[in-house]
Protein backbone atom coordinates (compact mmCIF):
# COMPACT_ATOMS: atom_id res chain seq x y z
CA MET A 1 -15.63 -55.06 2.67
CA ASP A 2 -13.80 -53.40 5.93
CA LEU A 3 -11.24 -51.00 6.27
CA ARG A 4 -8.29 -53.36 6.82
CA GLN A 5 -8.99 -55.10 3.30
CA LEU A 6 -8.60 -51.34 2.08
CA ARG A 7 -5.45 -50.79 3.92
CA TYR A 8 -4.34 -54.13 2.61
CA PHE A 9 -5.17 -53.14 -1.09
CA THR A 10 -3.83 -49.87 -1.14
CA GLN A 11 -0.24 -51.16 0.03
CA ILE A 12 -0.73 -53.62 -2.85
CA VAL A 13 -1.39 -51.43 -5.40
CA GLU A 14 1.55 -48.66 -3.97
CA SER A 15 3.94 -51.50 -3.92
CA GLY A 16 3.38 -52.69 -7.22
CA SER A 17 3.53 -56.45 -5.88
CA LEU A 18 1.96 -58.82 -3.78
CA SER A 19 5.11 -60.32 -2.14
CA LYS A 20 6.68 -56.91 -1.55
CA ALA A 21 3.34 -55.66 -0.06
CA SER A 22 3.50 -58.87 2.24
CA ARG A 23 6.59 -57.95 3.35
CA GLN A 24 5.43 -54.36 4.04
CA LEU A 25 2.57 -55.39 6.25
CA PHE A 26 4.01 -58.53 7.85
CA ILE A 27 1.16 -60.65 6.32
CA ALA A 28 2.22 -64.01 4.74
CA GLN A 29 1.45 -63.87 0.95
CA PRO A 30 -1.23 -66.63 0.42
CA ALA A 31 -3.34 -64.87 3.23
CA LEU A 32 -2.89 -61.47 1.15
CA SER A 33 -3.82 -63.29 -2.13
CA GLN A 34 -6.76 -64.58 -0.36
CA MET A 35 -8.14 -61.29 0.89
CA LEU A 36 -7.47 -59.88 -2.32
CA SER A 37 -9.53 -62.34 -3.92
CA LYS A 38 -12.38 -62.16 -1.64
CA LEU A 39 -12.47 -58.08 -2.15
CA GLU A 40 -12.59 -58.38 -5.82
CA SER A 41 -15.39 -61.15 -5.12
CA GLU A 42 -17.54 -58.17 -3.52
CA VAL A 43 -16.50 -55.32 -5.86
CA GLY A 44 -17.62 -57.81 -9.18
CA LYS A 45 -14.78 -56.52 -10.67
CA PRO A 46 -10.78 -57.41 -11.36
CA LEU A 47 -8.91 -54.55 -9.48
CA LEU A 48 -5.32 -55.86 -10.67
CA ASN A 49 -4.02 -56.77 -14.02
CA ARG A 50 -1.08 -59.77 -12.93
CA SER A 51 2.03 -60.01 -14.66
CA ALA A 52 5.39 -61.40 -14.41
CA ARG A 53 6.73 -57.85 -13.28
CA GLY A 54 4.22 -57.25 -10.64
CA VAL A 55 0.65 -55.91 -10.38
CA ALA A 56 -1.01 -52.64 -11.43
CA PRO A 57 -4.55 -51.53 -10.95
CA THR A 58 -7.28 -52.07 -13.29
CA ASP A 59 -9.58 -48.85 -14.10
CA ASN A 60 -11.93 -50.16 -11.33
CA GLY A 61 -8.77 -50.81 -8.97
CA LEU A 62 -7.48 -47.12 -9.63
CA ALA A 63 -11.06 -45.51 -8.77
CA LEU A 64 -11.23 -47.84 -5.43
CA TYR A 65 -7.56 -47.04 -4.87
CA HIS A 66 -8.15 -43.27 -5.00
CA HIS A 67 -11.05 -43.33 -2.92
CA ALA A 68 -9.94 -45.78 -0.23
CA ARG A 69 -6.71 -43.54 0.30
CA PHE A 70 -9.15 -40.78 1.07
CA MET A 71 -11.04 -42.65 3.23
CA LEU A 72 -8.26 -43.90 5.52
CA ARG A 73 -6.59 -40.54 5.39
CA GLN A 74 -9.98 -39.31 6.87
CA LEU A 75 -10.32 -41.84 9.29
CA ASP A 76 -6.70 -41.37 10.33
CA GLN A 77 -7.30 -37.59 11.01
CA ALA A 78 -10.67 -38.36 12.76
CA LEU A 79 -8.68 -40.47 15.45
CA SER A 80 -6.12 -38.35 15.98
CA ILE A 81 -8.63 -35.63 16.88
CA ALA A 82 -10.41 -38.01 18.98
CA ARG A 83 -7.31 -38.41 20.80
CA GLN A 84 -6.46 -34.70 21.65
CA GLU A 85 -8.17 -33.06 24.59
CA SER A 86 -7.84 -29.39 23.21
CA LYS A 87 -10.87 -28.10 21.08
CA ALA A 88 -8.05 -25.82 18.79
CA VAL A 89 -7.67 -27.10 15.19
CA GLN A 90 -5.98 -30.53 15.04
CA GLY A 91 -5.29 -33.03 12.48
CA MET A 92 -2.88 -34.58 10.32
CA VAL A 93 -1.93 -32.60 7.34
CA SER A 94 0.67 -34.02 4.40
CA VAL A 95 2.62 -31.25 2.33
CA GLY A 96 4.88 -31.56 -0.88
CA LEU A 97 7.36 -29.39 -1.27
CA PRO A 98 10.40 -29.37 -3.62
CA ALA A 99 13.92 -28.98 -2.60
CA THR A 100 14.50 -25.57 -3.48
CA THR A 101 11.05 -24.50 -1.86
CA VAL A 102 12.26 -26.52 1.23
CA SER A 103 15.21 -24.54 1.69
CA ALA A 104 13.14 -21.20 1.62
CA LEU A 105 9.62 -22.15 2.77
CA GLY A 106 10.47 -25.40 4.99
CA LEU A 107 11.74 -24.20 8.59
CA PRO A 108 9.75 -21.06 8.76
CA LEU A 109 6.43 -22.78 8.03
CA VAL A 110 6.90 -25.67 10.24
CA ARG A 111 7.93 -23.54 13.00
CA CYS A 112 5.05 -21.17 12.24
CA ILE A 113 2.40 -24.06 12.37
CA ARG A 114 4.10 -25.38 15.67
CA ASP A 115 3.70 -21.94 17.15
CA ARG A 116 -0.12 -21.33 16.07
CA TYR A 117 -1.33 -24.89 15.61
CA PRO A 118 0.34 -27.44 18.03
CA GLY A 119 -2.61 -29.48 17.42
CA ILE A 120 -1.53 -29.93 14.07
CA LEU A 121 0.72 -33.00 12.73
CA VAL A 122 2.49 -31.88 9.80
CA ASN A 123 4.08 -34.13 7.20
CA VAL A 124 6.68 -32.37 4.82
CA VAL A 125 7.35 -34.58 1.74
CA GLU A 126 10.32 -33.08 -0.13
CA GLY A 127 11.04 -34.62 -3.66
CA MET A 128 11.20 -33.53 -7.37
CA SER A 129 8.55 -31.99 -8.60
CA GLY A 130 7.66 -34.85 -10.67
CA HIS A 131 7.30 -36.90 -7.68
CA ILE A 132 5.32 -34.54 -5.77
CA GLY A 133 2.85 -34.42 -8.59
CA HIS A 134 2.36 -37.72 -8.93
CA MET A 135 1.55 -38.08 -4.92
CA MET A 136 -0.76 -35.26 -5.22
CA ARG A 137 -2.61 -36.94 -8.42
CA LEU A 138 -2.64 -40.06 -6.43
CA GLY A 139 -4.53 -37.97 -3.17
CA GLN A 140 -1.50 -39.05 -1.18
CA LEU A 141 -0.71 -35.25 -0.18
CA ASP A 142 -3.21 -32.42 1.32
CA LEU A 143 -1.45 -29.71 0.00
CA ALA A 144 1.42 -29.12 -2.17
CA VAL A 145 3.88 -26.26 -3.98
CA LEU A 146 4.45 -27.22 -7.68
CA PHE A 147 5.89 -25.13 -10.69
CA GLY A 148 2.92 -25.92 -12.95
CA GLY A 149 -0.90 -24.98 -12.61
CA ASP A 150 -2.07 -27.82 -15.03
CA ILE A 151 0.03 -31.06 -12.74
CA ALA A 152 -3.31 -32.57 -11.35
CA ARG A 153 -6.73 -32.67 -11.71
CA GLU A 154 -9.90 -32.27 -9.58
CA VAL A 155 -7.81 -30.02 -7.11
CA THR A 156 -7.60 -26.33 -6.11
CA VAL A 157 -4.92 -24.73 -7.62
CA ASP A 158 -3.69 -21.27 -6.96
CA ALA A 159 -0.71 -19.13 -7.96
CA LEU A 160 1.69 -18.43 -5.16
CA LEU A 161 4.97 -16.34 -6.39
CA GLU A 162 7.32 -16.04 -9.13
CA GLU A 163 11.26 -16.73 -8.82
CA GLU A 164 13.61 -15.12 -10.72
CA LEU A 165 16.27 -17.47 -12.11
CA PHE A 166 19.87 -16.79 -11.72
CA VAL A 167 23.13 -18.19 -12.94
CA MET A 168 25.18 -18.88 -9.47
CA LEU A 169 28.52 -19.62 -8.92
CA PRO A 170 30.96 -19.73 -5.69
CA ARG A 171 32.00 -15.95 -4.76
CA HIS A 172 35.52 -17.14 -5.43
CA SER A 173 34.77 -18.50 -9.07
CA ALA A 174 37.21 -17.24 -11.97
CA LEU A 175 34.33 -18.19 -14.61
CA VAL A 176 32.87 -14.64 -14.84
CA ALA A 177 34.76 -11.55 -14.05
CA PRO A 178 34.54 -10.61 -10.05
CA LYS A 179 32.69 -6.99 -11.16
CA ARG A 180 30.08 -8.73 -13.27
CA THR A 181 26.75 -8.35 -11.77
CA THR A 182 24.49 -9.49 -15.06
CA LEU A 183 25.20 -12.01 -17.86
CA THR A 184 23.57 -12.35 -21.55
CA ILE A 185 21.66 -15.51 -21.73
CA ALA A 186 24.65 -16.27 -24.90
CA GLU A 187 27.28 -15.76 -22.08
CA ALA A 188 25.25 -18.16 -19.66
CA ALA A 189 25.38 -20.46 -22.39
CA GLU A 190 28.93 -20.55 -22.78
CA LEU A 191 29.91 -21.31 -19.11
CA PRO A 192 30.12 -24.89 -17.70
CA LEU A 193 26.84 -25.59 -16.54
CA ILE A 194 25.41 -28.02 -14.18
CA LEU A 195 21.41 -28.59 -14.07
CA PRO A 196 19.02 -31.05 -13.55
CA THR A 197 17.81 -33.67 -16.01
CA SER A 198 15.56 -33.13 -18.78
CA THR A 199 12.73 -34.90 -16.83
CA HIS A 200 12.91 -31.81 -14.14
CA GLY A 201 10.74 -28.97 -14.90
CA LEU A 202 13.59 -26.18 -14.20
CA ARG A 203 15.74 -27.96 -16.99
CA ARG A 204 13.20 -27.52 -19.31
CA ARG A 205 12.25 -24.25 -18.63
CA ILE A 206 15.78 -23.15 -18.93
CA SER A 207 16.17 -25.48 -22.15
CA ALA A 208 13.30 -23.18 -23.99
CA GLU A 209 15.02 -20.12 -23.41
CA PHE A 210 18.19 -21.32 -24.91
CA GLU A 211 16.62 -23.07 -27.89
CA GLN A 212 14.29 -19.76 -28.54
CA ARG A 213 17.55 -18.10 -29.54
CA ASN A 214 19.31 -20.98 -30.96
CA LEU A 215 21.83 -21.50 -28.56
CA SER A 216 23.52 -24.72 -27.28
CA ALA A 217 24.25 -24.87 -23.69
CA HIS A 218 27.53 -26.14 -22.73
CA ILE A 219 26.35 -28.70 -19.90
CA VAL A 220 28.84 -30.57 -18.57
CA ALA A 221 26.62 -32.80 -15.85
CA GLU A 222 23.05 -33.43 -15.03
CA ILE A 223 22.34 -33.69 -11.13
CA ASP A 224 18.77 -33.85 -9.60
CA SER A 225 19.78 -33.91 -6.28
CA LEU A 226 19.52 -30.25 -5.19
CA SER A 227 22.71 -30.80 -2.13
CA LEU A 228 24.84 -32.69 -4.82
CA LEU A 229 24.51 -30.34 -7.29
CA MET A 230 25.32 -27.08 -5.23
CA ASN A 231 28.33 -29.09 -3.91
CA CYS A 232 29.51 -29.40 -7.36
CA VAL A 233 29.08 -26.26 -8.34
CA TYR A 234 30.83 -24.82 -5.21
CA ASP A 235 33.76 -27.50 -5.52
CA GLY A 236 34.49 -25.50 -8.94
CA MET A 237 32.97 -27.75 -11.67
CA GLY A 238 30.93 -25.35 -12.98
CA ALA A 239 28.15 -22.92 -12.88
CA THR A 240 24.02 -23.49 -12.52
CA ILE A 241 20.84 -21.39 -12.97
CA LYS A 242 18.75 -21.74 -10.41
CA PRO A 243 16.22 -19.41 -8.11
CA MET A 244 17.31 -17.73 -4.98
CA ALA A 245 15.84 -20.36 -2.62
CA ALA A 246 18.73 -22.82 -3.74
CA ILE A 247 21.37 -20.73 -1.88
CA LEU A 248 19.38 -19.31 1.01
CA LEU A 249 20.91 -21.86 3.34
CA GLU A 250 24.20 -21.95 2.02
CA GLY A 251 25.34 -19.02 4.45
CA GLU A 252 24.72 -21.29 7.36
CA ARG A 253 27.66 -23.59 5.85
CA GLY A 254 30.05 -20.29 5.53
CA ARG A 255 29.96 -20.77 1.73
CA LYS A 256 29.29 -17.23 -0.14
CA TRP A 257 28.01 -17.33 -3.45
CA ARG A 258 27.37 -14.74 -6.44
CA ALA A 259 23.88 -14.67 -8.19
CA LEU A 260 23.77 -12.97 -11.75
CA SER A 261 20.82 -11.89 -13.11
CA ILE A 262 20.16 -12.63 -17.01
CA SER A 263 19.93 -9.33 -18.29
CA ASP A 264 18.18 -10.18 -21.73
CA ALA A 265 15.97 -12.77 -20.87
CA HIS A 266 13.21 -13.15 -18.67
CA MET A 267 13.66 -16.25 -16.85
CA VAL A 268 11.50 -16.84 -14.19
CA ARG A 269 9.24 -19.98 -12.47
CA ARG A 270 5.92 -19.82 -11.04
CA ASN A 271 4.58 -21.52 -7.96
CA TYR A 272 1.53 -22.94 -7.62
CA LEU A 273 -0.37 -23.97 -4.40
CA TYR A 274 -2.06 -27.08 -4.99
CA ALA A 275 -5.03 -28.26 -2.47
CA LEU A 276 -7.62 -30.98 -2.31
CA PRO A 277 -10.66 -29.77 -3.57
CA PRO A 278 -12.79 -28.02 -0.56
CA GLU A 279 -15.23 -30.82 0.15
CA ARG A 280 -12.36 -33.13 0.93
CA LEU A 281 -9.92 -30.61 2.55
CA SER A 282 -9.96 -30.75 6.29
CA THR A 283 -10.02 -27.36 8.67
CA ALA A 284 -6.20 -28.41 9.61
CA ALA A 285 -5.10 -28.68 5.96
CA ALA A 286 -7.00 -25.40 5.19
CA ALA A 287 -4.96 -23.83 8.07
CA VAL A 288 -1.90 -24.73 6.77
CA ALA A 289 -2.78 -23.58 3.54
CA ALA A 290 -3.39 -20.16 4.48
CA GLU A 291 0.35 -20.32 6.63
CA ILE A 292 2.05 -21.55 3.47
CA ARG A 293 0.64 -18.46 1.86
CA ASP A 294 1.50 -16.09 4.92
CA THR A 295 4.95 -17.57 5.38
CA ALA A 296 5.85 -16.90 1.91
CA ARG A 297 4.60 -13.52 2.02
CA ARG A 298 6.74 -12.57 5.17
CA LEU A 299 9.93 -13.65 3.79
CA VAL A 300 9.31 -11.75 0.66
CA GLU A 301 8.28 -8.46 1.95
CA SER A 302 11.23 -8.82 4.83
CA GLY A 303 13.80 -9.50 1.93
CA ALA A 304 14.78 -12.98 3.77
CA TRP A 305 13.65 -14.42 0.43
CA SER A 306 14.75 -12.16 -2.49
CA GLY A 307 14.20 -12.84 -6.03
CA VAL A 308 10.74 -13.36 -5.88
CA ASP A 309 7.22 -11.61 -6.77
CA LEU A 310 3.89 -12.37 -5.12
CA VAL A 311 1.34 -13.35 -6.87
CA ALA A 312 -2.03 -12.75 -6.52
CA PRO A 313 -4.12 -16.18 -6.16
CA VAL A 314 -6.02 -17.14 -9.32
CA SER A 315 -7.69 -20.30 -9.50
CA ALA A 316 -6.63 -22.31 -12.28
């Protein structure tokens, strides 16, 4: 078994088919099939289940995939360090951040890492929390910020911060009287709401609050894209319920918003910092994890990120 076989195998698993993997790797499919057969022969166990829809790893294949991903990431980091001349902290670090978190934390975090750790190549992956959680479970990320403390196993999980949820609408909107600064949850439910789909953790959090009070939300659209959702709200199609991070960058576009707190419900979303276990976490990734905490703290304490309370780290 060699590293090339492991690279090919991980690509097959991630592609879900030999034909797609062969295109990604620029290798003829028969050659890739031969390599896979040789690998299964060396392991002594079938690694893939084959069907008309493609391939999926067996239990043994999934175990090999996880370890192969880790080995290949470590090799890439080792090569990156070897190619550098500086003795400072170096390496590649992959960080998964949901869209709202990117809006608040993304630019300040990358700027800080570039200033303090020029030898670290940071790879920020933005996506829905479900996708980020899936990547963390597969070992494709070193770090991630997620909204539940039980999304991935065999990792370190610490509470990071807690965000209050607000009813948000354009400043010029006539849906709510101009002088109002708060709404009851019943009043929020009566507004035409644009929310993420039910697969989104934030939507489930909001729906749970409505259901506890036997309220039916007036939902006019379901959108998982943060930018499109906010554009639709600003266009006058309705209101939404989001943390303040959702509008942190809106002022740069010249758009003005109102964020109304909910007076009779404690609607918050806790953020957790996920990291690979200490024995697998590189020095560079540990440094980035510390910068995530420090950057969040500075943003909150300076008032740049409002509606947020820091949470003392407690391993979950």
